[in-house]
Amino acid sequence: MRIGELARRTGVSERSLRYYEKQGLLTAVRTLGGHRDYPDAAVDRVIRIQELFAAGLCSAKIAQLLPCMRDADGGPSEIASPRLVADLTAERDRINRMINDLVRSRDVLDDVINTASGRNQRTVTRLEDRHSRAR
């Protein structure tokens, strides 16, 4: 399939697909006319790449990881090196720290929202009380 079709099927821009290819994350053969031609499996590969970027991995780490994953189901392969496993464990720990930080930030926001909502409710109640006394 051509790059435009792959972009359409994955929701990823053609520019990103060219970047993935430049980084060694995605491969295409060239037609006689010089156009990129991707196999059907490229759809799964691009989706996997997007998931890994969303998890915060850099392209170099993704390039190491992709050969250890099966595209069709995203399952692991048996070829991961001990070094890669250690690196990925560190990435997972980093993501867990980020999740914990985000949960703490959300809790602070919830406290502020609850406090502000309560204050606003008291203000509305006082205004309603003043209005009913004025009648």
Protein backbone atom coordinates (compact mmCIF):
# COMPACT_ATOMS: atom_id res chain seq x y z
CA MET A 1 0.00 0.00 0.00
CA ARG A 2 1.13 3.54 -0.63
CA ILE A 3 2.01 5.98 2.14
CA GLY A 4 -1.28 7.88 1.81
CA GLU A 5 -3.31 4.73 2.37
CA LEU A 6 -1.18 3.73 5.36
CA ALA A 7 -1.64 7.21 6.81
CA ARG A 8 -5.40 7.00 6.30
CA ARG A 9 -5.68 3.50 7.79
CA THR A 10 -3.63 4.36 10.89
CA GLY A 11 -4.53 8.01 11.45
CA VAL A 12 -0.83 8.90 11.36
CA SER A 13 0.48 11.66 9.12
CA GLU A 14 2.61 10.87 6.09
CA ARG A 15 5.32 13.01 7.65
CA SER A 16 5.35 10.80 10.75
CA LEU A 17 5.48 7.67 8.60
CA ARG A 18 8.53 9.04 6.77
CA TYR A 19 10.10 9.83 10.15
CA TYR A 20 9.44 6.27 11.35
CA GLU A 21 11.13 4.97 8.23
CA LYS A 22 14.12 7.28 8.71
CA GLN A 23 14.46 6.06 12.32
CA GLY A 24 14.39 2.41 11.19
CA LEU A 25 11.00 1.75 12.81
CA LEU A 26 9.17 1.07 9.57
CA THR A 27 10.31 -0.26 6.22
CA ALA A 28 8.92 0.06 2.74
CA VAL A 29 10.08 -1.15 -0.62
CA ARG A 30 10.32 1.34 -3.45
CA THR A 31 8.38 0.89 -6.65
CA LEU A 32 10.05 1.44 -10.01
CA GLY A 33 8.61 4.96 -9.88
CA GLY A 34 10.24 5.55 -6.47
CA HIS A 35 7.03 5.41 -4.42
CA ARG A 36 6.97 3.74 -1.03
CA ASP A 37 5.06 0.46 -0.94
CA TYR A 38 4.21 -0.87 2.53
CA PRO A 39 3.03 -4.39 3.35
CA ASP A 40 -0.33 -4.88 5.06
CA ALA A 41 1.51 -5.69 8.30
CA ALA A 42 2.68 -2.05 8.37
CA VAL A 43 -0.72 -1.06 9.79
CA ASP A 44 -0.13 -3.14 12.94
CA ARG A 45 3.48 -1.94 13.10
CA VAL A 46 2.46 1.74 12.99
CA ILE A 47 -0.19 1.20 15.66
CA ARG A 48 2.43 -0.48 17.86
CA ILE A 49 4.87 2.41 17.28
CA GLN A 50 2.19 4.91 18.26
CA GLU A 51 1.45 2.98 21.46
CA LEU A 52 5.12 2.95 22.39
CA PHE A 53 5.53 6.67 21.70
CA ALA A 54 2.42 7.33 23.80
CA ALA A 55 4.04 5.36 26.62
CA GLY A 56 6.93 7.82 26.51
CA LEU A 57 9.57 5.71 24.80
CA CYS A 58 11.98 7.43 22.44
CA SER A 59 12.49 6.26 18.87
CA ALA A 60 15.86 4.67 19.68
CA LYS A 61 14.28 2.54 22.42
CA ILE A 62 11.36 1.68 20.16
CA ALA A 63 13.79 0.58 17.45
CA GLN A 64 15.36 -1.81 19.97
CA LEU A 65 12.00 -3.07 21.17
CA LEU A 66 10.14 -3.62 17.89
CA PRO A 67 12.13 -6.69 16.80
CA CYS A 68 11.06 -8.27 20.09
CA MET A 69 7.34 -7.82 19.35
CA ARG A 70 5.03 -9.58 16.96
CA ASP A 71 3.12 -7.03 14.90
CA ALA A 72 -0.16 -8.88 14.51
CA ASP A 73 -0.93 -9.21 18.21
CA GLY A 74 1.76 -7.08 19.85
CA GLY A 75 2.86 -10.07 21.87
CA PRO A 76 6.44 -10.54 22.90
CA SER A 77 9.00 -12.50 21.00
CA GLU A 78 11.72 -14.51 22.69
CA ILE A 79 14.62 -12.49 21.28
CA ALA A 80 14.79 -9.67 23.84
CA SER A 81 18.26 -9.30 25.30
CA PRO A 82 18.79 -9.01 29.08
CA ARG A 83 19.97 -5.42 28.51
CA LEU A 84 16.77 -4.54 26.67
CA VAL A 85 14.68 -6.14 29.41
CA ALA A 86 16.54 -4.03 31.99
CA ASP A 87 16.04 -0.87 29.91
CA LEU A 88 12.36 -1.59 29.46
CA THR A 89 11.96 -2.28 33.16
CA ALA A 90 13.49 1.14 33.84
CA GLU A 91 11.06 2.70 31.33
CA ARG A 92 8.13 0.98 33.04
CA ASP A 93 9.35 2.29 36.42
CA ARG A 94 9.59 5.81 34.96
CA ILE A 95 6.03 5.54 33.63
CA ASN A 96 4.81 4.32 37.02
CA ARG A 97 6.45 7.33 38.68
CA MET A 98 4.73 9.61 36.18
CA ILE A 99 1.39 7.94 36.87
CA ASN A 100 1.87 8.40 40.62
CA ASP A 101 2.77 12.07 40.10
CA LEU A 102 -0.31 12.58 37.94
CA VAL A 103 -2.54 10.90 40.52
CA ARG A 104 -1.15 13.22 43.22
CA SER A 105 -1.74 16.23 40.97
CA ARG A 106 -5.28 15.07 40.29
CA ASP A 107 -5.90 14.66 44.01
CA VAL A 108 -4.72 18.23 44.65
CA LEU A 109 -7.00 19.50 41.88
CA ASP A 110 -9.90 17.51 43.33
CA ASP A 111 -9.29 19.15 46.72
CA VAL A 112 -9.23 22.60 45.16
CA ILE A 113 -12.37 21.89 43.12
CA ASN A 114 -14.20 20.49 46.15
CA THR A 115 -13.16 23.40 48.32
CA ALA A 116 -14.04 25.95 45.66
CA SER A 117 -17.35 24.24 44.94
CA GLY A 118 -18.23 24.23 48.62
CA ARG A 119 -17.30 27.90 48.97
CA ASN A 120 -19.30 28.79 45.90
CA GLN A 121 -22.27 26.83 47.22
CA ARG A 122 -22.10 28.68 50.56
CA THR A 123 -21.93 31.99 48.71
CA VAL A 124 -24.99 31.09 46.62
CA THR A 125 -26.85 29.98 49.75
CA ARG A 126 -26.04 33.26 51.56
CA LEU A 127 -27.20 35.29 48.57
CA GLU A 128 -30.43 33.29 48.41
CA ASP A 129 -30.94 33.83 52.15
CA ARG A 130 -30.41 37.60 51.81
CA HIS A 131 -32.78 37.71 48.86
CA SER A 132 -35.55 35.84 50.72
CA ARG A 133 -35.13 38.05 53.84
CA ALA A 134 -35.39 41.17 51.70
CA ARG A 135 -38.88 40.13 50.51
